[in-house]
Each structure stands twice: as C-alpha cells, then as structure tokens.
Amino acid sequence: MSTKRQMQKAAEATAWNPLSLLSGWGIRSSHAYTAGFVSIAISFLSWLISRKKDDAKPQSDRWGLFVGEWAPTFFALGIALKHEE
C-alpha cells in the first residue's frame, strides 16, 4: 500500500463527524428546530409558574433561564444538520 493511501486511510479513521452520527441515527434538522421551540415554550412556562409562587421564585427563574439557553444550541444544530442533509 502506498504512503499516500495510508495517510488517506489514517485521516478517514480519525475524522469523526458527530453530525454524520446524529444524521445516521435519524435526527433531522426539523427535530432540532422543534426542540428549540419547545425549549422556548418550557422556559416561558417556567417563568410564568415562578411568577405565581412566592417561595421558590428565584429557583424557578433560574430554571427558566437555564432551559431558555438550550434554544440557540438546538437552532445551531438544526442549521448544521440542514447542511449535512
């Protein structure tokens, strides 16, 4: 086997693409977009619930912010998966 072919084979073995893995599992860009919108809805609901509770308000607000930060990640994954498709 030539040295060039060995280098190509080594590069293919080390080139791990998580997007190809997700795509192989059947996850599509529409799934990631849906998860982003669900994340926004859960964040909003958590905030609404926290407004009604006086005792656990700070913890609920933090939970809403935490879940709300998932949305950009899901949207970015959706865009990346769209390019993979």
N, C-alpha and C. Protein backbone atom coordinates (compact mmCIF):
# COMPACT_ATOMS: atom_id res chain seq x y z
N MET A 1 0.85 -1.17 0.00
CA MET A 1 0.00 0.00 0.00
C MET A 1 0.90 1.24 0.00
N SER A 2 0.53 2.20 -0.82
CA SER A 2 1.35 3.40 -0.92
C SER A 2 1.20 4.27 0.33
N THR A 3 2.19 5.12 0.51
CA THR A 3 2.19 6.01 1.66
C THR A 3 1.03 6.99 1.59
N LYS A 4 0.72 7.45 0.39
CA LYS A 4 -0.39 8.38 0.21
C LYS A 4 -1.71 7.73 0.62
N ARG A 5 -1.90 6.49 0.21
CA ARG A 5 -3.14 5.77 0.55
C ARG A 5 -3.21 5.51 2.06
N GLN A 6 -2.09 5.23 2.68
CA GLN A 6 -2.06 5.00 4.13
C GLN A 6 -2.43 6.28 4.87
N MET A 7 -1.94 7.42 4.38
CA MET A 7 -2.26 8.71 5.01
C MET A 7 -3.75 9.03 4.86
N GLN A 8 -4.32 8.73 3.69
CA GLN A 8 -5.74 8.96 3.48
C GLN A 8 -6.57 8.08 4.40
N LYS A 9 -6.17 6.83 4.53
CA LYS A 9 -6.89 5.90 5.39
C LYS A 9 -6.81 6.35 6.85
N ALA A 10 -5.65 6.83 7.28
CA ALA A 10 -5.48 7.31 8.65
C ALA A 10 -6.33 8.56 8.88
N ALA A 11 -6.40 9.45 7.90
CA ALA A 11 -7.21 10.66 8.03
C ALA A 11 -8.70 10.32 8.12
N GLU A 12 -9.14 9.33 7.36
CA GLU A 12 -10.54 8.91 7.40
C GLU A 12 -10.88 8.28 8.75
N ALA A 13 -9.93 7.56 9.31
CA ALA A 13 -10.17 6.90 10.59
C ALA A 13 -10.26 7.90 11.73
N THR A 14 -9.53 9.00 11.64
CA THR A 14 -9.54 9.99 12.72
C THR A 14 -10.57 11.07 12.51
N ALA A 15 -11.17 11.15 11.34
CA ALA A 15 -12.17 12.19 11.05
C ALA A 15 -13.53 11.75 11.59
N TRP A 16 -13.79 12.08 12.83
CA TRP A 16 -15.06 11.73 13.46
C TRP A 16 -15.99 12.92 13.32
N ASN A 17 -17.14 12.70 12.70
CA ASN A 17 -18.09 13.77 12.46
C ASN A 17 -19.36 13.51 13.27
N PRO A 18 -19.58 14.25 14.37
CA PRO A 18 -20.77 14.00 15.17
C PRO A 18 -22.07 14.29 14.43
N LEU A 19 -22.03 15.19 13.47
CA LEU A 19 -23.25 15.48 12.71
C LEU A 19 -23.64 14.30 11.83
N SER A 20 -22.66 13.62 11.27
CA SER A 20 -22.96 12.41 10.50
C SER A 20 -23.54 11.33 11.39
N LEU A 21 -23.02 11.27 12.61
CA LEU A 21 -23.53 10.30 13.58
C LEU A 21 -24.99 10.59 13.92
N LEU A 22 -25.31 11.86 14.22
CA LEU A 22 -26.70 12.23 14.51
C LEU A 22 -27.60 11.97 13.31
N SER A 23 -27.11 12.31 12.14
CA SER A 23 -27.89 12.09 10.93
C SER A 23 -28.12 10.59 10.70
N GLY A 24 -27.12 9.79 11.00
CA GLY A 24 -27.26 8.35 10.87
C GLY A 24 -28.27 7.77 11.84
N TRP A 25 -28.44 8.41 12.97
CA TRP A 25 -29.43 7.97 13.95
C TRP A 25 -30.85 8.38 13.56
N GLY A 26 -30.99 9.15 12.49
CA GLY A 26 -32.31 9.57 12.03
C GLY A 26 -32.74 10.94 12.53
N ILE A 27 -31.84 11.67 13.17
CA ILE A 27 -32.17 13.00 13.66
C ILE A 27 -32.02 13.99 12.51
N ARG A 28 -33.05 14.72 12.24
CA ARG A 28 -33.07 15.68 11.14
C ARG A 28 -33.11 17.11 11.67
N SER A 29 -32.91 18.06 10.78
CA SER A 29 -32.89 19.46 11.18
C SER A 29 -34.24 19.88 11.77
N SER A 30 -35.32 19.33 11.25
CA SER A 30 -36.64 19.69 11.77
C SER A 30 -36.80 19.26 13.23
N HIS A 31 -36.17 18.16 13.61
CA HIS A 31 -36.21 17.72 15.01
C HIS A 31 -35.50 18.73 15.91
N ALA A 32 -34.36 19.22 15.46
CA ALA A 32 -33.61 20.19 16.26
C ALA A 32 -34.37 21.51 16.36
N TYR A 33 -34.99 21.95 15.26
CA TYR A 33 -35.77 23.19 15.30
C TYR A 33 -36.96 23.05 16.26
N THR A 34 -37.61 21.91 16.20
CA THR A 34 -38.74 21.66 17.11
C THR A 34 -38.28 21.68 18.56
N ALA A 35 -37.15 21.06 18.84
CA ALA A 35 -36.61 21.07 20.20
C ALA A 35 -36.29 22.49 20.66
N GLY A 36 -35.83 23.34 19.76
CA GLY A 36 -35.56 24.73 20.10
C GLY A 36 -36.83 25.48 20.49
N PHE A 37 -37.88 25.29 19.72
CA PHE A 37 -39.14 25.96 20.04
C PHE A 37 -39.77 25.41 21.32
N VAL A 38 -39.64 24.11 21.54
CA VAL A 38 -40.14 23.52 22.79
C VAL A 38 -39.36 24.07 23.97
N SER A 39 -38.06 24.26 23.81
CA SER A 39 -37.24 24.84 24.86
C SER A 39 -37.70 26.25 25.21
N ILE A 40 -38.04 27.03 24.20
CA ILE A 40 -38.53 28.38 24.45
C ILE A 40 -39.86 28.32 25.21
N ALA A 41 -40.74 27.41 24.80
CA ALA A 41 -42.04 27.28 25.46
C ALA A 41 -41.88 26.84 26.92
N ILE A 42 -41.00 25.88 27.18
CA ILE A 42 -40.77 25.43 28.56
C ILE A 42 -40.18 26.55 29.40
N SER A 43 -39.29 27.32 28.82
CA SER A 43 -38.70 28.45 29.53
C SER A 43 -39.78 29.47 29.90
N PHE A 44 -40.65 29.78 28.96
CA PHE A 44 -41.72 30.74 29.21
C PHE A 44 -42.69 30.21 30.27
N LEU A 45 -43.06 28.94 30.18
CA LEU A 45 -43.96 28.35 31.17
C LEU A 45 -43.32 28.33 32.56
N SER A 46 -42.06 28.03 32.62
CA SER A 46 -41.36 28.03 33.90
C SER A 46 -41.37 29.43 34.50
N TRP A 47 -41.18 30.43 33.67
CA TRP A 47 -41.19 31.81 34.16
C TRP A 47 -42.59 32.18 34.66
N LEU A 48 -43.63 31.77 33.89
CA LEU A 48 -45.00 32.07 34.32
C LEU A 48 -45.33 31.40 35.65
N ILE A 49 -44.92 30.16 35.80
CA ILE A 49 -45.18 29.43 37.05
C ILE A 49 -44.44 30.09 38.21
N SER A 50 -43.22 30.55 37.94
CA SER A 50 -42.43 31.17 39.02
C SER A 50 -43.05 32.49 39.48
N ARG A 51 -43.80 33.14 38.60
CA ARG A 51 -44.43 34.42 38.98
C ARG A 51 -45.53 34.18 40.02
N LYS A 52 -46.11 32.97 40.03
CA LYS A 52 -47.23 32.68 40.93
C LYS A 52 -46.76 32.13 42.28
N LYS A 53 -45.54 31.61 42.32
CA LYS A 53 -45.01 31.05 43.57
C LYS A 53 -44.14 32.10 44.25
N ASP A 54 -44.37 32.31 45.51
CA ASP A 54 -43.55 33.27 46.24
C ASP A 54 -42.32 32.62 46.86
N ASP A 55 -42.45 31.36 47.27
CA ASP A 55 -41.36 30.72 48.00
C ASP A 55 -40.23 30.22 47.10
N ALA A 56 -40.52 29.73 45.91
CA ALA A 56 -39.49 29.14 45.06
C ALA A 56 -39.20 29.98 43.83
N LYS A 57 -39.53 31.24 43.86
CA LYS A 57 -39.39 32.10 42.69
C LYS A 57 -37.96 32.17 42.14
N PRO A 58 -36.96 32.42 42.97
CA PRO A 58 -35.60 32.52 42.39
C PRO A 58 -35.16 31.23 41.71
N GLN A 59 -35.47 30.08 42.30
CA GLN A 59 -35.08 28.81 41.70
C GLN A 59 -35.81 28.58 40.38
N SER A 60 -37.09 28.90 40.33
CA SER A 60 -37.86 28.74 39.09
C SER A 60 -37.36 29.68 38.00
N ASP A 61 -37.03 30.90 38.38
CA ASP A 61 -36.48 31.83 37.40
C ASP A 61 -35.18 31.30 36.82
N ARG A 62 -34.33 30.76 37.66
CA ARG A 62 -33.06 30.20 37.19
C ARG A 62 -33.30 29.01 36.27
N TRP A 63 -34.28 28.16 36.61
CA TRP A 63 -34.59 27.02 35.77
C TRP A 63 -35.08 27.50 34.40
N GLY A 64 -35.91 28.54 34.37
CA GLY A 64 -36.39 29.08 33.11
C GLY A 64 -35.26 29.63 32.25
N LEU A 65 -34.32 30.31 32.87
CA LEU A 65 -33.17 30.82 32.13
C LEU A 65 -32.29 29.68 31.61
N PHE A 66 -32.10 28.65 32.43
CA PHE A 66 -31.29 27.51 32.03
C PHE A 66 -31.89 26.82 30.80
N VAL A 67 -33.17 26.54 30.84
CA VAL A 67 -33.82 25.88 29.72
C VAL A 67 -33.85 26.80 28.50
N GLY A 68 -34.02 28.09 28.73
CA GLY A 68 -34.05 29.05 27.63
C GLY A 68 -32.75 29.14 26.87
N GLU A 69 -31.67 28.79 27.52
CA GLU A 69 -30.37 28.84 26.83
C GLU A 69 -30.14 27.61 25.95
N TRP A 70 -31.01 26.62 26.04
CA TRP A 70 -30.89 25.47 25.16
C TRP A 70 -31.30 25.82 23.73
N ALA A 71 -32.22 26.76 23.59
CA ALA A 71 -32.80 27.07 22.27
C ALA A 71 -31.73 27.42 21.22
N PRO A 72 -30.79 28.33 21.50
CA PRO A 72 -29.79 28.64 20.47
C PRO A 72 -28.96 27.42 20.08
N THR A 73 -28.70 26.54 21.04
CA THR A 73 -27.94 25.33 20.73
C THR A 73 -28.73 24.44 19.78
N PHE A 74 -30.02 24.25 20.05
CA PHE A 74 -30.83 23.43 19.17
C PHE A 74 -30.96 24.04 17.78
N PHE A 75 -31.11 25.37 17.71
CA PHE A 75 -31.21 26.02 16.41
C PHE A 75 -29.89 25.90 15.63
N ALA A 76 -28.76 26.03 16.32
CA ALA A 76 -27.46 25.87 15.66
C ALA A 76 -27.29 24.43 15.15
N LEU A 77 -27.71 23.46 15.95
CA LEU A 77 -27.66 22.07 15.50
C LEU A 77 -28.57 21.86 14.29
N GLY A 78 -29.72 22.52 14.30
CA GLY A 78 -30.64 22.41 13.17
C GLY A 78 -30.01 22.92 11.89
N ILE A 79 -29.32 24.04 11.98
CA ILE A 79 -28.65 24.59 10.80
C ILE A 79 -27.54 23.66 10.32
N ALA A 80 -26.75 23.14 11.26
CA ALA A 80 -25.67 22.22 10.90
C ALA A 80 -26.22 20.95 10.29
N LEU A 81 -27.29 20.42 10.85
CA LEU A 81 -27.89 19.21 10.29
C LEU A 81 -28.49 19.47 8.91
N LYS A 82 -29.01 20.67 8.70
CA LYS A 82 -29.56 21.03 7.39
C LYS A 82 -28.44 21.00 6.34
N HIS A 83 -27.27 21.48 6.71
CA HIS A 83 -26.13 21.41 5.77
C HIS A 83 -25.70 19.96 5.52
N GLU A 84 -25.85 19.12 6.54
CA GLU A 84 -25.49 17.70 6.41
C GLU A 84 -26.47 16.97 5.50
N GLU A 85 -27.74 17.40 5.53
CA GLU A 85 -28.76 16.76 4.70
C GLU A 85 -28.52 17.11 3.25
